[in-house]
Amino acid sequence: MKIAIIVPMAEEAEFYRNHFHAEKKEMFGSTEFEHFSVNGNDVYLGLSGIGKVQAAMNLASLLSNVDIDVIFMTGSAGALQKDVHQEDLVLPSAFAYYDAHNTAAGDYVEGQIPQQPAQYVLDSPERASFAEFLKKQNVEFREGLVVTGDSFVASTEQKDAIKQNFPNALACEMEGAAFAQVAYAFNKPLVAMRAISDNGDGSANEDFDIFVKKVGAKAAKLISDYLEKKN
């Protein structure tokens, strides 16, 4: 299989190098991907950059050049619910854009881009396989809607505005729905995992730099272990 692992930041990519050793590096579009061989699988590790455009551009560049079988997206997110806490793992079952407001443009709902699905639902066999692996490893995780926008949510006011339109959303971040839209266009399965690094309420300034590395290391170990055991 050809497997893509894409993370937003170099600090997160670094942890995968503790598990894999790159055979070569390749440029696709503006992004450099490291190429690994893991348990008979071809793994491409690259950075998405931060924000929707960077994420969509860099994933599309890879998928236009390599026939990827499954995409793993990892990174951090801010909690939107009181029972979602720092260091919790979230395995999104759907993505939507919290900053897409197109209900006046036609028969669309909040979070929907015109001529696109209302939400990008992640329900592939590949995602189910990874979820089962986490359960067998006794790793606790949440499943549900995660919403995406181009703003770093760092105030209660921002958080409340998002929850008004998406009361059930577990978390918010800056790339996931863009990844899901590109994966949908290319008909590729996406497995997304977000680790909660902050509460999205103003505490991020003191929390983010610390937690992004901690949760990045955790995500890298889980995905690396999964790939090393996958036939």
Foldseek 3Di string as FASTA:
>chain_A
DEEEEEEADPLLLVLLCVQFPFPDWDDQPNKIWTWTQAQNYTYTYTYQHFFLVSNLVRVLSVVVPDVHAEYEYEFAWAFLDPPADAQAKAWEQKEFALPDDCVVVDPAAHRDDPPGDNILGADDPVQVVLVVLCVVVVRDHHYYYEYADRDQQAAPVVSVSSCVRVVPHGTYGGHVRSNSVNCVVSVHHYTYMHGYQYNSHRCCVVGVVPRRNVSSNVVSVSVSVVRNPDD
